[in-house]
Every structure is written in structure tokens, then in C-alpha cells.
Amino acid sequence: MSTGGGMKPATTPSLNKGSSSANVGQQGKNQYFQMPLHYPRYTKADYMNMPEWKLDCLLKEYGLPLIGDVEQKREFAMGSFLWSR
């Protein structure tokens, strides 16, 4: 039976989870990858000199894990965002 009006049950997940900061979990943790408007355009040298707080901000912006020490985060960011040419 259709209820009309385009209403969805409360248990139906949203199809555009990455499009809004309103989709952050109650504890402030993202449960999915989110794609910001711009892709990071850092070079390998930029990542090698990037402070940990900036790596944390970058990874958090994409909904990626912030685990490990600064070297592990740096390697993860480079593996995620650097493209070989």
C-alpha cells in the first residue's frame, strides 16, 4: 500500500550521505567515505612536510581513519591521494 507524498520509512538509509555535514553520526564520527568539493592537489613533498594536524584535517574531511602515528597517516594520505603519472 502506498502512502503517497514520497514519504520513506525512517529506517531507509539516505542515498546522498556524503553530500551534507548533517549526516555525521551522533558521536561525530562519519560512517562512510565522503567526497568534498575539491580533490587534494598536494605533491609528495607537500605530504612529507605536512604537520600531523593538517594530515588529520585532510583525512577527516574525507571521512578516512585517523589512526596511527604521523608517519602512518602520511603514508596513508599519499597512498589515497597521490596519482602516479
N, C-alpha and C. Protein backbone atom coordinates (compact mmCIF):
# COMPACT_ATOMS: atom_id res chain seq x y z
N MET A 1 0.83 -1.17 0.00
CA MET A 1 0.00 0.00 0.00
C MET A 1 0.88 1.24 0.00
N SER A 2 0.63 2.18 -0.86
CA SER A 2 1.43 3.39 -0.97
C SER A 2 0.85 4.48 -0.08
N THR A 3 1.73 5.19 0.62
CA THR A 3 1.28 6.28 1.48
C THR A 3 1.22 7.59 0.73
N GLY A 4 1.81 7.63 -0.49
CA GLY A 4 1.80 8.85 -1.29
C GLY A 4 2.70 9.91 -0.68
N GLY A 5 2.87 10.97 -1.39
CA GLY A 5 3.65 12.08 -0.85
C GLY A 5 5.14 11.83 -0.83
N GLY A 6 5.61 10.69 -1.33
CA GLY A 6 7.04 10.42 -1.39
C GLY A 6 7.69 10.16 -0.04
N MET A 7 6.92 9.81 0.95
CA MET A 7 7.50 9.57 2.27
C MET A 7 8.18 8.22 2.30
N LYS A 8 9.33 8.17 2.99
CA LYS A 8 10.07 6.93 3.13
C LYS A 8 10.05 6.50 4.59
N PRO A 9 10.12 5.20 4.85
CA PRO A 9 10.20 4.74 6.23
C PRO A 9 11.46 5.30 6.90
N ALA A 10 11.42 5.49 8.19
CA ALA A 10 12.54 6.07 8.93
C ALA A 10 13.79 5.21 8.86
N THR A 11 13.66 3.92 8.56
CA THR A 11 14.82 3.04 8.53
C THR A 11 15.52 3.02 7.18
N THR A 12 14.98 3.72 6.17
CA THR A 12 15.60 3.74 4.85
C THR A 12 16.82 4.65 4.89
N PRO A 13 18.02 4.13 4.52
CA PRO A 13 19.21 4.98 4.54
C PRO A 13 19.15 6.02 3.43
N SER A 14 19.76 7.16 3.68
CA SER A 14 19.81 8.22 2.68
C SER A 14 20.76 7.83 1.56
N LEU A 15 20.43 8.16 0.33
CA LEU A 15 21.27 7.83 -0.81
C LEU A 15 22.35 8.87 -1.05
N ASN A 16 22.28 10.03 -0.42
CA ASN A 16 23.27 11.07 -0.63
C ASN A 16 24.01 11.39 0.66
N LYS A 17 24.48 10.38 1.33
CA LYS A 17 25.11 10.55 2.63
C LYS A 17 26.32 11.48 2.61
N GLY A 18 27.10 11.48 1.55
CA GLY A 18 28.29 12.29 1.51
C GLY A 18 28.05 13.74 1.16
N SER A 19 26.82 14.15 0.94
CA SER A 19 26.57 15.49 0.45
C SER A 19 26.31 16.52 1.55
N SER A 20 26.25 16.12 2.78
CA SER A 20 25.91 17.08 3.82
C SER A 20 26.59 16.74 5.12
N SER A 21 26.98 17.77 5.86
CA SER A 21 27.58 17.53 7.16
C SER A 21 26.52 17.08 8.16
N ALA A 22 25.25 17.16 7.80
CA ALA A 22 24.17 16.72 8.68
C ALA A 22 24.13 15.21 8.80
N ASN A 23 24.90 14.51 8.00
CA ASN A 23 24.89 13.05 8.03
C ASN A 23 25.97 12.47 8.93
N VAL A 24 26.54 13.28 9.79
CA VAL A 24 27.55 12.81 10.72
C VAL A 24 26.83 12.09 11.86
N GLY A 25 27.41 10.98 12.32
CA GLY A 25 26.81 10.20 13.38
C GLY A 25 26.67 10.98 14.67
N GLN A 26 25.92 10.46 15.62
CA GLN A 26 25.66 11.16 16.86
C GLN A 26 26.92 11.41 17.67
N GLN A 27 27.92 10.56 17.55
CA GLN A 27 29.18 10.76 18.25
C GLN A 27 30.14 11.61 17.43
N GLY A 28 29.70 12.15 16.29
CA GLY A 28 30.55 12.99 15.46
C GLY A 28 31.47 12.20 14.55
N LYS A 29 31.20 10.92 14.36
CA LYS A 29 32.04 10.08 13.51
C LYS A 29 31.31 9.77 12.22
N ASN A 30 32.02 9.89 11.11
CA ASN A 30 31.43 9.53 9.82
C ASN A 30 31.48 8.02 9.67
N GLN A 31 30.46 7.46 9.11
CA GLN A 31 30.39 6.02 8.91
C GLN A 31 30.55 5.67 7.45
N TYR A 32 31.09 6.58 6.64
CA TYR A 32 31.18 6.38 5.21
C TYR A 32 32.22 7.34 4.64
N PHE A 33 32.67 7.06 3.44
CA PHE A 33 33.57 7.95 2.72
C PHE A 33 32.77 9.12 2.21
N GLN A 34 33.28 10.32 2.37
CA GLN A 34 32.58 11.49 1.83
C GLN A 34 33.52 12.23 0.90
N MET A 35 33.00 12.69 -0.20
CA MET A 35 33.82 13.37 -1.21
C MET A 35 33.59 14.87 -1.13
N PRO A 36 34.56 15.62 -0.61
CA PRO A 36 34.43 17.08 -0.60
C PRO A 36 34.41 17.63 -2.03
N LEU A 37 34.12 18.89 -2.13
CA LEU A 37 34.00 19.53 -3.43
C LEU A 37 35.29 19.45 -4.24
N HIS A 38 36.44 19.62 -3.58
CA HIS A 38 37.72 19.64 -4.28
C HIS A 38 38.59 18.46 -3.86
N TYR A 39 39.28 17.86 -4.82
CA TYR A 39 40.23 16.78 -4.56
C TYR A 39 41.55 17.42 -4.13
N PRO A 40 42.24 16.86 -3.13
CA PRO A 40 43.50 17.47 -2.70
C PRO A 40 44.54 17.44 -3.81
N ARG A 41 45.28 18.52 -3.96
CA ARG A 41 46.26 18.64 -5.03
C ARG A 41 47.66 18.84 -4.44
N TYR A 42 47.98 18.08 -3.42
CA TYR A 42 49.30 18.17 -2.81
C TYR A 42 50.29 17.27 -3.55
N THR A 43 51.55 17.66 -3.51
CA THR A 43 52.62 16.83 -4.07
C THR A 43 53.16 15.92 -2.98
N LYS A 44 54.01 14.99 -3.37
CA LYS A 44 54.64 14.10 -2.39
C LYS A 44 55.44 14.93 -1.38
N ALA A 45 56.14 15.95 -1.87
CA ALA A 45 56.91 16.82 -0.97
C ALA A 45 55.99 17.53 0.03
N ASP A 46 54.81 17.95 -0.43
CA ASP A 46 53.85 18.59 0.47
C ASP A 46 53.45 17.64 1.59
N TYR A 47 53.15 16.38 1.23
CA TYR A 47 52.76 15.40 2.25
C TYR A 47 53.91 15.10 3.20
N MET A 48 55.12 15.04 2.69
CA MET A 48 56.29 14.72 3.52
C MET A 48 56.56 15.82 4.55
N ASN A 49 56.18 17.06 4.24
CA ASN A 49 56.41 18.19 5.15
C ASN A 49 55.15 18.62 5.90
N MET A 50 54.04 17.95 5.67
CA MET A 50 52.76 18.33 6.26
C MET A 50 52.73 17.97 7.75
N PRO A 51 52.35 18.93 8.61
CA PRO A 51 52.25 18.62 10.04
C PRO A 51 51.08 17.67 10.31
N GLU A 52 51.16 16.99 11.44
CA GLU A 52 50.14 15.98 11.76
C GLU A 52 48.74 16.57 11.83
N TRP A 53 48.58 17.76 12.37
CA TRP A 53 47.24 18.35 12.48
C TRP A 53 46.62 18.56 11.11
N LYS A 54 47.45 18.91 10.12
CA LYS A 54 46.92 19.13 8.77
C LYS A 54 46.56 17.80 8.11
N LEU A 55 47.37 16.77 8.36
CA LEU A 55 47.03 15.43 7.86
C LEU A 55 45.70 14.97 8.47
N ASP A 56 45.55 15.20 9.78
CA ASP A 56 44.30 14.82 10.46
C ASP A 56 43.10 15.53 9.83
N CYS A 57 43.24 16.83 9.56
CA CYS A 57 42.14 17.59 8.94
C CYS A 57 41.80 17.04 7.56
N LEU A 58 42.83 16.73 6.78
CA LEU A 58 42.62 16.22 5.43
C LEU A 58 41.91 14.86 5.46
N LEU A 59 42.40 13.95 6.29
CA LEU A 59 41.79 12.63 6.38
C LEU A 59 40.36 12.71 6.91
N LYS A 60 40.16 13.56 7.91
CA LYS A 60 38.82 13.71 8.49
C LYS A 60 37.84 14.29 7.46
N GLU A 61 38.31 15.22 6.64
CA GLU A 61 37.45 15.83 5.62
C GLU A 61 36.90 14.80 4.65
N TYR A 62 37.67 13.74 4.41
CA TYR A 62 37.24 12.68 3.50
C TYR A 62 36.63 11.49 4.24
N GLY A 63 36.45 11.60 5.54
CA GLY A 63 35.84 10.53 6.31
C GLY A 63 36.74 9.32 6.45
N LEU A 64 38.06 9.54 6.37
CA LEU A 64 39.03 8.45 6.46
C LEU A 64 39.55 8.33 7.89
N PRO A 65 40.07 7.15 8.26
CA PRO A 65 40.51 6.92 9.65
C PRO A 65 41.70 7.78 10.05
N LEU A 66 41.73 8.18 11.32
CA LEU A 66 42.82 8.98 11.88
C LEU A 66 43.62 8.13 12.85
N ILE A 67 43.98 6.93 12.45
CA ILE A 67 44.70 6.04 13.35
C ILE A 67 46.17 5.95 12.96
N GLY A 68 47.00 5.67 13.94
CA GLY A 68 48.42 5.51 13.69
C GLY A 68 49.20 6.77 14.03
N ASP A 69 50.52 6.66 13.90
CA ASP A 69 51.37 7.82 14.15
C ASP A 69 51.42 8.70 12.90
N VAL A 70 52.15 9.79 12.99
CA VAL A 70 52.17 10.75 11.88
C VAL A 70 52.72 10.14 10.60
N GLU A 71 53.70 9.24 10.70
CA GLU A 71 54.26 8.61 9.50
C GLU A 71 53.24 7.68 8.84
N GLN A 72 52.46 6.95 9.64
CA GLN A 72 51.43 6.08 9.09
C GLN A 72 50.33 6.89 8.42
N LYS A 73 49.93 8.00 9.03
CA LYS A 73 48.92 8.87 8.44
C LYS A 73 49.43 9.46 7.13
N ARG A 74 50.70 9.87 7.12
CA ARG A 74 51.31 10.44 5.92
C ARG A 74 51.31 9.43 4.78
N GLU A 75 51.74 8.20 5.07
CA GLU A 75 51.76 7.15 4.05
C GLU A 75 50.35 6.84 3.54
N PHE A 76 49.39 6.81 4.46
CA PHE A 76 48.00 6.54 4.08
C PHE A 76 47.47 7.65 3.17
N ALA A 77 47.74 8.91 3.54
CA ALA A 77 47.28 10.04 2.73
C ALA A 77 47.92 10.01 1.34
N MET A 78 49.21 9.73 1.27
CA MET A 78 49.88 9.68 -0.03
C MET A 78 49.33 8.53 -0.87
N GLY A 79 49.09 7.39 -0.26
CA GLY A 79 48.53 6.26 -0.98
C GLY A 79 47.11 6.51 -1.46
N SER A 80 46.38 7.33 -0.71
CA SER A 80 44.99 7.62 -1.06
C SER A 80 44.85 8.71 -2.11
N PHE A 81 45.73 9.71 -2.06
CA PHE A 81 45.51 10.90 -2.87
C PHE A 81 46.53 11.15 -3.98
N LEU A 82 47.71 10.54 -3.91
CA LEU A 82 48.70 10.77 -4.97
C LEU A 82 48.45 9.83 -6.13
N TRP A 83 48.51 10.34 -7.33
CA TRP A 83 48.33 9.54 -8.55
C TRP A 83 49.65 9.49 -9.27
N SER A 84 50.05 8.32 -9.70
CA SER A 84 51.29 8.21 -10.47
C SER A 84 51.03 8.72 -11.88
N ARG A 85 52.04 9.34 -12.44
CA ARG A 85 51.87 9.90 -13.80
C ARG A 85 52.77 9.21 -14.77
